[in-house]
Amino acid sequence: MSDKILKIVGRYIYDSRGNPTVEVDLWTSKGLFRAGVPSGASTGIYEALELRDGDKAVHMGKGVEKAVANVQILGKMIVDKGFDVTQQKEIDEFMLQEDGTDSKSK
């Protein structure tokens, strides 16, 4: 059964350590789904890179406005492509293509 992604919205929230992190809402015909992505205290070589703003005047450089902006841009592109929520592999490949970097750092 098909369930197209209708809308994706990102925002910043605070994690359990009080650091900004990204939260994403995804809507389908079945409802709203939400996920927050707090960062760990230590990161291994296989973990995703963090995209922090680096402005020391805002959250001591730990802001995530760039990451939230990327969610808004990619979210619209994913919706416009008509992806179904079950097409995770295709969505991942699409996002990797749009990023275009070896380290997934864009």
PDB file of N, CA and C in Angstrom:
ATOM      1  N   MET A   1       0.843  -1.187   0.000  1.00  0.00           N
ATOM      2  CA  MET A   1       0.000   0.000   0.000  1.00  0.00           C
ATOM      3  C   MET A   1       0.883   1.243   0.000  1.00  0.00           C
ATOM      4  N   SER A   2       0.609   2.138  -0.884  1.00  0.00           N
ATOM      5  CA  SER A   2       1.392   3.357  -1.052  1.00  0.00           C
ATOM      6  C   SER A   2       1.045   4.397   0.013  1.00  0.00           C
ATOM      7  N   ASP A   3       2.063   5.093   0.480  1.00  0.00           N
ATOM      8  CA  ASP A   3       1.847   6.190   1.421  1.00  0.00           C
ATOM      9  C   ASP A   3       2.869   7.284   1.128  1.00  0.00           C
ATOM     10  N   LYS A   4       2.476   8.208   0.277  1.00  0.00           N
ATOM     11  CA  LYS A   4       3.358   9.290  -0.161  1.00  0.00           C
ATOM     12  C   LYS A   4       3.687  10.237   0.985  1.00  0.00           C
ATOM     13  N   ILE A   5       4.903  10.757   0.937  1.00  0.00           N
ATOM     14  CA  ILE A   5       5.312  11.794   1.876  1.00  0.00           C
ATOM     15  C   ILE A   5       4.679  13.098   1.410  1.00  0.00           C
ATOM     16  N   LEU A   6       3.917  13.732   2.283  1.00  0.00           N
ATOM     17  CA  LEU A   6       3.179  14.940   1.932  1.00  0.00           C
ATOM     18  C   LEU A   6       3.895  16.224   2.341  1.00  0.00           C
ATOM     19  N   LYS A   7       4.641  16.165   3.440  1.00  0.00           N
ATOM     20  CA  LYS A   7       5.289  17.370   3.950  1.00  0.00           C
ATOM     21  C   LYS A   7       6.401  16.967   4.912  1.00  0.00           C
ATOM     22  N   ILE A   8       7.505  17.726   4.883  1.00  0.00           N
ATOM     23  CA  ILE A   8       8.615  17.523   5.817  1.00  0.00           C
ATOM     24  C   ILE A   8       9.023  18.887   6.345  1.00  0.00           C
ATOM     25  N   VAL A   9       9.110  19.010   7.661  1.00  0.00           N
ATOM     26  CA  VAL A   9       9.488  20.281   8.292  1.00  0.00           C
ATOM     27  C   VAL A   9      10.536  20.004   9.367  1.00  0.00           C
ATOM     28  N   GLY A  10      11.600  20.788   9.351  1.00  0.00           N
ATOM     29  CA  GLY A  10      12.637  20.667  10.369  1.00  0.00           C
ATOM     30  C   GLY A  10      12.629  21.862  11.302  1.00  0.00           C
ATOM     31  N   ARG A  11      13.158  21.662  12.500  1.00  0.00           N
ATOM     32  CA  ARG A  11      13.294  22.747  13.478  1.00  0.00           C
ATOM     33  C   ARG A  11      14.417  22.366  14.418  1.00  0.00           C
ATOM     34  N   TYR A  12      14.857  23.332  15.217  1.00  0.00           N
ATOM     35  CA  TYR A  12      15.828  22.944  16.235  1.00  0.00           C
ATOM     36  C   TYR A  12      15.142  22.836  17.586  1.00  0.00           C
ATOM     37  N   ILE A  13      15.630  21.887  18.358  1.00  0.00           N
ATOM     38  CA  ILE A  13      15.185  21.655  19.729  1.00  0.00           C
ATOM     39  C   ILE A  13      16.451  21.523  20.580  1.00  0.00           C
ATOM     40  N   TYR A  14      16.280  21.323  21.870  1.00  0.00           N
ATOM     41  CA  TYR A  14      17.420  21.096  22.752  1.00  0.00           C
ATOM     42  C   TYR A  14      17.445  19.643  23.198  1.00  0.00           C
ATOM     43  N   ASP A  15      18.650  19.056  23.192  1.00  0.00           N
ATOM     44  CA  ASP A  15      18.773  17.674  23.654  1.00  0.00           C
ATOM     45  C   ASP A  15      18.905  17.636  25.179  1.00  0.00           C
ATOM     46  N   SER A  16      19.130  16.466  25.730  1.00  0.00           N
ATOM     47  CA  SER A  16      19.173  16.302  27.186  1.00  0.00           C
ATOM     48  C   SER A  16      20.346  17.019  27.840  1.00  0.00           C
ATOM     49  N   ARG A  17      21.334  17.405  27.046  1.00  0.00           N
ATOM     50  CA  ARG A  17      22.473  18.161  27.575  1.00  0.00           C
ATOM     51  C   ARG A  17      22.298  19.668  27.381  1.00  0.00           C
ATOM     52  N   GLY A  18      21.177  20.067  26.806  1.00  0.00           N
ATOM     53  CA  GLY A  18      20.921  21.481  26.558  1.00  0.00           C
ATOM     54  C   GLY A  18      21.534  22.002  25.276  1.00  0.00           C
ATOM     55  N   ASN A  19      22.004  21.098  24.423  1.00  0.00           N
ATOM     56  CA  ASN A  19      22.579  21.501  23.136  1.00  0.00           C
ATOM     57  C   ASN A  19      21.514  21.493  22.050  1.00  0.00           C
ATOM     58  N   PRO A  20      21.594  22.428  21.111  1.00  0.00           N
ATOM     59  CA  PRO A  20      20.658  22.415  19.990  1.00  0.00           C
ATOM     60  C   PRO A  20      20.846  21.151  19.150  1.00  0.00           C
ATOM     61  N   THR A  21      19.752  20.624  18.669  1.00  0.00           N
ATOM     62  CA  THR A  21      19.784  19.492  17.757  1.00  0.00           C
ATOM     63  C   THR A  21      18.585  19.611  16.822  1.00  0.00           C
ATOM     64  N   VAL A  22      18.483  18.733  15.872  1.00  0.00           N
ATOM     65  CA  VAL A  22      17.446  18.811  14.843  1.00  0.00           C
ATOM     66  C   VAL A  22      16.293  17.865  15.172  1.00  0.00           C
ATOM     67  N   GLU A  23      15.081  18.349  14.920  1.00  0.00           N
ATOM     68  CA  GLU A  23      13.870  17.531  15.003  1.00  0.00           C
ATOM     69  C   GLU A  23      13.143  17.693  13.677  1.00  0.00           C
ATOM     70  N   VAL A  24      12.575  16.601  13.183  1.00  0.00           N
ATOM     71  CA  VAL A  24      11.889  16.625  11.884  1.00  0.00           C
ATOM     72  C   VAL A  24      10.490  16.049  12.029  1.00  0.00           C
ATOM     73  N   ASP A  25       9.523  16.744  11.434  1.00  0.00           N
ATOM     74  CA  ASP A  25       8.157  16.241  11.303  1.00  0.00           C
ATOM     75  C   ASP A  25       7.960  15.794   9.866  1.00  0.00           C
ATOM     76  N   LEU A  26       7.353  14.630   9.682  1.00  0.00           N
ATOM     77  CA  LEU A  26       7.047  14.097   8.362  1.00  0.00           C
ATOM     78  C   LEU A  26       5.576  13.711   8.349  1.00  0.00           C
ATOM     79  N   TRP A  27       4.845  14.217   7.360  1.00  0.00           N
ATOM     80  CA  TRP A  27       3.418  13.922   7.234  1.00  0.00           C
ATOM     81  C   TRP A  27       3.171  12.992   6.056  1.00  0.00           C
ATOM     82  N   THR A  28       2.275  12.029   6.285  1.00  0.00           N
ATOM     83  CA  THR A  28       1.719  11.200   5.225  1.00  0.00           C
ATOM     84  C   THR A  28       0.205  11.207   5.415  1.00  0.00           C
ATOM     85  N   SER A  29      -0.500  10.473   4.575  1.00  0.00           N
ATOM     86  CA  SER A  29      -1.953  10.383   4.740  1.00  0.00           C
ATOM     87  C   SER A  29      -2.323   9.677   6.045  1.00  0.00           C
ATOM     88  N   LYS A  30      -1.378   8.965   6.638  1.00  0.00           N
ATOM     89  CA  LYS A  30      -1.640   8.247   7.890  1.00  0.00           C
ATOM     90  C   LYS A  30      -1.337   9.075   9.126  1.00  0.00           C
ATOM     91  N   GLY A  31      -0.790  10.267   8.944  1.00  0.00           N
ATOM     92  CA  GLY A  31      -0.550  11.117  10.097  1.00  0.00           C
ATOM     93  C   GLY A  31       0.816  11.758  10.129  1.00  0.00           C
ATOM     94  N   LEU A  32       1.133  12.274  11.301  1.00  0.00           N
ATOM     95  CA  LEU A  32       2.386  12.977  11.561  1.00  0.00           C
ATOM     96  C   LEU A  32       3.354  12.040  12.272  1.00  0.00           C
ATOM     97  N   PHE A  33       4.601  12.058  11.826  1.00  0.00           N
ATOM     98  CA  PHE A  33       5.660  11.265  12.440  1.00  0.00           C
ATOM     99  C   PHE A  33       6.799  12.217  12.784  1.00  0.00           C
ATOM    100  N   ARG A  34       7.363  12.083  13.984  1.00  0.00           N
ATOM    101  CA  ARG A  34       8.369  13.037  14.472  1.00  0.00           C
ATOM    102  C   ARG A  34       9.591  12.286  14.980  1.00  0.00           C
ATOM    103  N   ALA A  35      10.770  12.846  14.686  1.00  0.00           N
ATOM    104  CA  ALA A  35      12.021  12.269  15.184  1.00  0.00           C
ATOM    105  C   ALA A  35      12.984  13.378  15.560  1.00  0.00           C
ATOM    106  N   GLY A  36      13.623  13.226  16.713  1.00  0.00           N
ATOM    107  CA  GLY A  36      14.696  14.114  17.139  1.00  0.00           C
ATOM    108  C   GLY A  36      16.011  13.366  17.023  1.00  0.00           C
ATOM    109  N   VAL A  37      17.085  14.095  16.751  1.00  0.00           N
ATOM    110  CA  VAL A  37      18.371  13.445  16.505  1.00  0.00           C
ATOM    111  C   VAL A  37      19.474  14.030  17.392  1.00  0.00           C
ATOM    112  N   PRO A  38      19.447  13.720  18.691  1.00  0.00           N
ATOM    113  CA  PRO A  38      20.500  14.235  19.571  1.00  0.00           C
ATOM    114  C   PRO A  38      21.850  13.629  19.225  1.00  0.00           C
ATOM    115  N   SER A  39      22.900  14.385  19.473  1.00  0.00           N
ATOM    116  CA  SER A  39      24.247  13.878  19.213  1.00  0.00           C
ATOM    117  C   SER A  39      24.775  13.197  20.463  1.00  0.00           C
ATOM    118  N   GLY A  40      25.674  12.256  20.257  1.00  0.00           N
ATOM    119  CA  GLY A  40      26.284  11.562  21.380  1.00  0.00           C
ATOM    120  C   GLY A  40      27.445  12.358  21.956  1.00  0.00           C
ATOM    121  N   ALA A  41      27.868  11.970  23.142  1.00  0.00           N
ATOM    122  CA  ALA A  41      29.007  12.640  23.778  1.00  0.00           C
ATOM    123  C   ALA A  41      30.299  12.333  23.027  1.00  0.00           C
ATOM    124  N   SER A  42      30.383  11.147  22.449  1.00  0.00           N
ATOM    125  CA  SER A  42      31.542  10.802  21.623  1.00  0.00           C
ATOM    126  C   SER A  42      31.025  10.252  20.306  1.00  0.00           C
ATOM    127  N   THR A  43      31.778  10.477  19.259  1.00  0.00           N
ATOM    128  CA  THR A  43      31.354  10.002  17.945  1.00  0.00           C
ATOM    129  C   THR A  43      32.404   9.061  17.381  1.00  0.00           C
ATOM    130  N   GLY A  44      31.934   7.980  16.793  1.00  0.00           N
ATOM    131  CA  GLY A  44      32.822   7.001  16.181  1.00  0.00           C
ATOM    132  C   GLY A  44      33.001   7.274  14.701  1.00  0.00           C
ATOM    133  N   ILE A  45      33.852   6.494  14.067  1.00  0.00           N
ATOM    134  CA  ILE A  45      34.162   6.735  12.656  1.00  0.00           C
ATOM    135  C   ILE A  45      32.981   6.423  11.737  1.00  0.00           C
ATOM    136  N   TYR A  46      32.010   5.638  12.196  1.00  0.00           N
ATOM    137  CA  TYR A  46      30.881   5.272  11.350  1.00  0.00           C
ATOM    138  C   TYR A  46      29.636   6.108  11.620  1.00  0.00           C
ATOM    139  N   GLU A  47      29.735   7.048  12.518  1.00  0.00           N
ATOM    140  CA  GLU A  47      28.582   7.888  12.847  1.00  0.00           C
ATOM    141  C   GLU A  47      28.480   9.068  11.892  1.00  0.00           C
ATOM    142  N   ALA A  48      27.282   9.586  11.772  1.00  0.00           N
ATOM    143  CA  ALA A  48      27.045  10.739  10.903  1.00  0.00           C
ATOM    144  C   ALA A  48      27.806  11.956  11.426  1.00  0.00           C
ATOM    145  N   LEU A  49      28.258  12.782  10.502  1.00  0.00           N
ATOM    146  CA  LEU A  49      28.919  14.031  10.879  1.00  0.00           C
ATOM    147  C   LEU A  49      27.885  15.022  11.379  1.00  0.00           C
ATOM    148  N   GLU A  50      28.288  15.846  12.324  1.00  0.00           N
ATOM    149  CA  GLU A  50      27.424  16.923  12.796  1.00  0.00           C
ATOM    150  C   GLU A  50      27.650  18.153  11.932  1.00  0.00           C
ATOM    151  N   LEU A  51      26.577  18.851  11.633  1.00  0.00           N
ATOM    152  CA  LEU A  51      26.679  20.124  10.930  1.00  0.00           C
ATOM    153  C   LEU A  51      26.288  21.213  11.916  1.00  0.00           C
ATOM    154  N   ARG A  52      27.283  21.862  12.484  1.00  0.00           N
ATOM    155  CA  ARG A  52      27.072  22.951  13.444  1.00  0.00           C
ATOM    156  C   ARG A  52      27.354  24.271  12.746  1.00  0.00           C
ATOM    157  N   ASP A  53      26.671  25.328  13.183  1.00  0.00           N
ATOM    158  CA  ASP A  53      26.809  26.639  12.547  1.00  0.00           C
ATOM    159  C   ASP A  53      28.170  27.281  12.787  1.00  0.00           C
ATOM    160  N   GLY A  54      28.746  27.072  13.939  1.00  0.00           N
ATOM    161  CA  GLY A  54      30.067  27.613  14.224  1.00  0.00           C
ATOM    162  C   GLY A  54      30.110  29.055  14.693  1.00  0.00           C
ATOM    163  N   ASP A  55      28.952  29.703  14.830  1.00  0.00           N
ATOM    164  CA  ASP A  55      28.897  31.088  15.312  1.00  0.00           C
ATOM    165  C   ASP A  55      28.997  31.065  16.833  1.00  0.00           C
ATOM    166  N   LYS A  56      30.163  31.437  17.359  1.00  0.00           N
ATOM    167  CA  LYS A  56      30.414  31.361  18.805  1.00  0.00           C
ATOM    168  C   LYS A  56      29.451  32.228  19.615  1.00  0.00           C
ATOM    169  N   ALA A  57      28.840  33.224  18.979  1.00  0.00           N
ATOM    170  CA  ALA A  57      27.901  34.108  19.676  1.00  0.00           C
ATOM    171  C   ALA A  57      26.524  33.464  19.866  1.00  0.00           C
ATOM    172  N   VAL A  58      26.268  32.372  19.163  1.00  0.00           N
ATOM    173  CA  VAL A  58      24.971  31.692  19.242  1.00  0.00           C
ATOM    174  C   VAL A  58      25.204  30.244  19.670  1.00  0.00           C
ATOM    175  N   HIS A  59      24.721  29.902  20.843  1.00  0.00           N
ATOM    176  CA  HIS A  59      24.852  28.536  21.373  1.00  0.00           C
ATOM    177  C   HIS A  59      26.308  28.066  21.388  1.00  0.00           C
ATOM    178  N   MET A  60      27.219  28.983  21.634  1.00  0.00           N
ATOM    179  CA  MET A  60      28.659  28.659  21.703  1.00  0.00           C
ATOM    180  C   MET A  60      29.134  27.895  20.462  1.00  0.00           C
ATOM    181  N   GLY A  61      28.604  28.273  19.303  1.00  0.00           N
ATOM    182  CA  GLY A  61      29.014  27.653  18.051  1.00  0.00           C
ATOM    183  C   GLY A  61      28.308  26.360  17.717  1.00  0.00           C
ATOM    184  N   LYS A  62      27.392  25.921  18.588  1.00  0.00           N
ATOM    185  CA  LYS A  62      26.734  24.627  18.393  1.00  0.00           C
ATOM    186  C   LYS A  62      25.359  24.731  17.729  1.00  0.00           C
ATOM    187  N   GLY A  63      25.027  25.893  17.178  1.00  0.00           N
ATOM    188  CA  GLY A  63      23.737  26.061  16.519  1.00  0.00           C
ATOM    189  C   GLY A  63      23.569  25.106  15.349  1.00  0.00           C
ATOM    190  N   VAL A  64      22.324  24.848  14.984  1.00  0.00           N
ATOM    191  CA  VAL A  64      22.024  23.899  13.903  1.00  0.00           C
ATOM    192  C   VAL A  64      21.117  24.510  12.833  1.00  0.00           C
ATOM    193  N   GLU A  65      21.152  25.831  12.698  1.00  0.00           N
ATOM    194  CA  GLU A  65      20.285  26.478  11.705  1.00  0.00           C
ATOM    195  C   GLU A  65      20.617  26.036  10.280  1.00  0.00           C
ATOM    196  N   LYS A  66      21.899  25.810   9.971  1.00  0.00           N
ATOM    197  CA  LYS A  66      22.273  25.317   8.634  1.00  0.00           C
ATOM    198  C   LYS A  66      21.657  23.941   8.387  1.00  0.00           C
ATOM    199  N   ALA A  67      21.728  23.082   9.395  1.00  0.00           N
ATOM    200  CA  ALA A  67      21.161  21.740   9.259  1.00  0.00           C
ATOM    201  C   ALA A  67      19.647  21.802   9.082  1.00  0.00           C
ATOM    202  N   VAL A  68      18.988  22.677   9.841  1.00  0.00           N
ATOM    203  CA  VAL A  68      17.537  22.841   9.718  1.00  0.00           C
ATOM    204  C   VAL A  68      17.190  23.364   8.325  1.00  0.00           C
ATOM    205  N   ALA A  69      17.971  24.308   7.826  1.00  0.00           N
ATOM    206  CA  ALA A  69      17.735  24.831   6.468  1.00  0.00           C
ATOM    207  C   ALA A  69      17.876  23.715   5.438  1.00  0.00           C
ATOM    208  N   ASN A  70      18.852  22.827   5.629  1.00  0.00           N
ATOM    209  CA  ASN A  70      19.011  21.692   4.715  1.00  0.00           C
ATOM    210  C   ASN A  70      17.801  20.771   4.753  1.00  0.00           C
ATOM    211  N   VAL A  71      17.229  20.570   5.936  1.00  0.00           N
ATOM    212  CA  VAL A  71      16.015  19.747   6.049  1.00  0.00           C
ATOM    213  C   VAL A  71      14.890  20.378   5.242  1.00  0.00           C
ATOM    214  N   GLN A  72      14.734  21.695   5.346  1.00  0.00           N
ATOM    215  CA  GLN A  72      13.656  22.375   4.612  1.00  0.00           C
ATOM    216  C   GLN A  72      13.848  22.199   3.101  1.00  0.00           C
ATOM    217  N   ILE A  73      15.090  22.377   2.638  1.00  0.00           N
ATOM    218  CA  ILE A  73      15.374  22.270   1.201  1.00  0.00           C
ATOM    219  C   ILE A  73      15.175  20.841   0.718  1.00  0.00           C
ATOM    220  N   LEU A  74      15.831  19.885   1.383  1.00  0.00           N
ATOM    221  CA  LEU A  74      15.707  18.484   0.973  1.00  0.00           C
ATOM    222  C   LEU A  74      14.289  17.963   1.162  1.00  0.00           C
ATOM    223  N   GLY A  75      13.622  18.396   2.225  1.00  0.00           N
ATOM    224  CA  GLY A  75      12.247  17.965   2.462  1.00  0.00           C
ATOM    225  C   GLY A  75      11.328  18.315   1.313  1.00  0.00           C
ATOM    226  N   LYS A  76      11.439  19.549   0.841  1.00  0.00           N
ATOM    227  CA  LYS A  76      10.610  19.972  -0.300  1.00  0.00           C
ATOM    228  C   LYS A  76      10.946  19.151  -1.540  1.00  0.00           C
ATOM    229  N   MET A  77      12.237  18.903  -1.761  1.00  0.00           N
ATOM    230  CA  MET A  77      12.646  18.117  -2.927  1.00  0.00           C
ATOM    231  C   MET A  77      12.106  16.688  -2.846  1.00  0.00           C
ATOM    232  N   ILE A  78      12.138  16.104  -1.663  1.00  0.00           N
ATOM    233  CA  ILE A  78      11.630  14.738  -1.472  1.00  0.00           C
ATOM    234  C   ILE A  78      10.128  14.688  -1.731  1.00  0.00           C
ATOM    235  N   VAL A  79       9.397  15.670  -1.219  1.00  0.00           N
ATOM    236  CA  VAL A  79       7.950  15.739  -1.458  1.00  0.00           C
ATOM    237  C   VAL A  79       7.679  15.919  -2.950  1.00  0.00           C
ATOM    238  N   ASP A  80       8.403  16.836  -3.582  1.00  0.00           N
ATOM    239  CA  ASP A  80       8.197  17.108  -5.008  1.00  0.00           C
ATOM    240  C   ASP A  80       8.489  15.889  -5.880  1.00  0.00           C
ATOM    241  N   LYS A  81       9.410  15.035  -5.449  1.00  0.00           N
ATOM    242  CA  LYS A  81       9.735  13.814  -6.199  1.00  0.00           C
ATOM    243  C   LYS A  81       8.654  12.747  -6.052  1.00  0.00           C
ATOM    244  N   GLY A  82       7.775  12.903  -5.066  1.00  0.00           N
ATOM    245  CA  GLY A  82       6.683  11.953  -4.887  1.00  0.00           C
ATOM    246  C   GLY A  82       7.084  10.652  -4.220  1.00  0.00           C
ATOM    247  N   PHE A  83       8.115  10.694  -3.384  1.00  0.00           N
ATOM    248  CA  PHE A  83       8.566   9.479  -2.711  1.00  0.00           C
ATOM    249  C   PHE A  83       7.505   8.937  -1.762  1.00  0.00           C
ATOM    250  N   ASP A  84       7.448   7.619  -1.690  1.00  0.00           N
ATOM    251  CA  ASP A  84       6.641   6.892  -0.723  1.00  0.00           C
ATOM    252  C   ASP A  84       7.520   6.637   0.504  1.00  0.00           C
ATOM    253  N   VAL A  85       6.927   6.581   1.690  1.00  0.00           N
ATOM    254  CA  VAL A  85       7.724   6.358   2.900  1.00  0.00           C
ATOM    255  C   VAL A  85       8.461   5.021   2.885  1.00  0.00           C
ATOM    256  N   THR A  86       7.988   4.070   2.100  1.00  0.00           N
ATOM    257  CA  THR A  86       8.644   2.762   2.041  1.00  0.00           C
ATOM    258  C   THR A  86       9.863   2.753   1.128  1.00  0.00           C
ATOM    259  N   GLN A  87      10.116   3.836   0.426  1.00  0.00           N
ATOM    260  CA  GLN A  87      11.241   3.907  -0.512  1.00  0.00           C
ATOM    261  C   GLN A  87      12.506   4.441   0.167  1.00  0.00           C
ATOM    262  N   GLN A  88      12.851   3.878   1.317  1.00  0.00           N
ATOM    263  CA  GLN A  88      13.981   4.397   2.089  1.00  0.00           C
ATOM    264  C   GLN A  88      15.291   4.351   1.311  1.00  0.00           C
ATOM    265  N   LYS A  89      15.548   3.250   0.621  1.00  0.00           N
ATOM    266  CA  LYS A  89      16.789   3.123  -0.155  1.00  0.00           C
ATOM    267  C   LYS A  89      16.868   4.212  -1.215  1.00  0.00           C
ATOM    268  N   GLU A  90      15.782   4.435  -1.930  1.00  0.00           N
ATOM    269  CA  GLU A  90      15.758   5.450  -2.980  1.00  0.00           C
ATOM    270  C   GLU A  90      15.907   6.861  -2.404  1.00  0.00           C
ATOM    271  N   ILE A  91      15.278   7.105  -1.256  1.00  0.00           N
ATOM    272  CA  ILE A  91      15.399   8.414  -0.602  1.00  0.00           C
ATOM    273  C   ILE A  91      16.842   8.635  -0.155  1.00  0.00           C
ATOM    274  N   ASP A  92      17.455   7.614   0.444  1.00  0.00           N
ATOM    275  CA  ASP A  92      18.858   7.721   0.860  1.00  0.00           C
ATOM    276  C   ASP A  92      19.761   8.017  -0.336  1.00  0.00           C
ATOM    277  N   GLU A  93      19.570   7.282  -1.429  1.00  0.00           N
ATOM    278  CA  GLU A  93      20.384   7.502  -2.628  1.00  0.00           C
ATOM    279  C   GLU A  93      20.178   8.911  -3.181  1.00  0.00           C
ATOM    280  N   PHE A  94      18.948   9.386  -3.175  1.00  0.00           N
ATOM    281  CA  PHE A  94      18.642  10.736  -3.643  1.00  0.00           C
ATOM    282  C   PHE A  94      19.361  11.777  -2.789  1.00  0.00           C
ATOM    283  N   MET A  95      19.301  11.619  -1.460  1.00  0.00           N
ATOM    284  CA  MET A  95      19.956  12.590  -0.578  1.00  0.00           C
ATOM    285  C   MET A  95      21.474  12.553  -0.737  1.00  0.00           C
ATOM    286  N   LEU A  96      22.049  11.369  -0.919  1.00  0.00           N
ATOM    287  CA  LEU A  96      23.492  11.268  -1.160  1.00  0.00           C
ATOM    288  C   LEU A  96      23.879  11.978  -2.451  1.00  0.00           C
ATOM    289  N   GLN A  97      23.063  11.794  -3.477  1.00  0.00           N
ATOM    290  CA  GLN A  97      23.316  12.456  -4.763  1.00  0.00           C
ATOM    291  C   GLN A  97      23.235  13.972  -4.612  1.00  0.00           C
ATOM    292  N   GLU A  98      22.243  14.454  -3.903  1.00  0.00           N
ATOM    293  CA  GLU A  98      22.081  15.896  -3.705  1.00  0.00           C
ATOM    294  C   GLU A  98      23.207  16.479  -2.858  1.00  0.00           C
ATOM    295  N   ASP A  99      23.716  15.711  -1.894  1.00  0.00           N
ATOM    296  CA  ASP A  99      24.825  16.175  -1.060  1.00  0.00           C
ATOM    297  C   ASP A  99      26.099  16.293  -1.895  1.00  0.00           C
ATOM    298  N   GLY A 100      26.422  15.236  -2.620  1.00  0.00           N
ATOM    299  CA  GLY A 100      27.549  15.280  -3.537  1.00  0.00           C
ATOM    300  C   GLY A 100      28.936  15.230  -2.909  1.00  0.00           C
ATOM    301  N   THR A 101      29.048  15.043  -1.598  1.00  0.00           N
ATOM    302  CA  THR A 101      30.365  14.963  -0.963  1.00  0.00           C
ATOM    303  C   THR A 101      30.628  13.536  -0.497  1.00  0.00           C
ATOM    304  N   ASP A 102      31.897  13.144  -0.454  1.00  0.00           N
ATOM    305  CA  ASP A 102      32.250  11.802   0.012  1.00  0.00           C
ATOM    306  C   ASP A 102      31.916  11.598   1.481  1.00  0.00           C
ATOM    307  N   SER A 103      32.014  12.664   2.261  1.00  0.00           N
ATOM    308  CA  SER A 103      31.818  12.557   3.710  1.00  0.00           C
ATOM    309  C   SER A 103      30.395  12.887   4.159  1.00  0.00           C
ATOM    310  N   LYS A 104      29.501  13.129   3.209  1.00  0.00           N
ATOM    311  CA  LYS A 104      28.108  13.504   3.523  1.00  0.00           C
ATOM    312  C   LYS A 104      28.078  14.742   4.415  1.00  0.00           C
ATOM    313  N   SER A 105      28.912  15.701   4.077  1.00  0.00           N
ATOM    314  CA  SER A 105      29.113  16.860   4.957  1.00  0.00           C
ATOM    315  C   SER A 105      28.447  18.141   4.483  1.00  0.00           C
ATOM    316  N   LYS A 106      27.707  18.091   3.403  1.00  0.00           N
ATOM    317  CA  LYS A 106      27.073  19.315   2.891  1.00  0.00           C
ATOM    318  C   LYS A 106      25.877  19.705   3.737  1.00  0.00           C
TER     319      LYS A 106
END
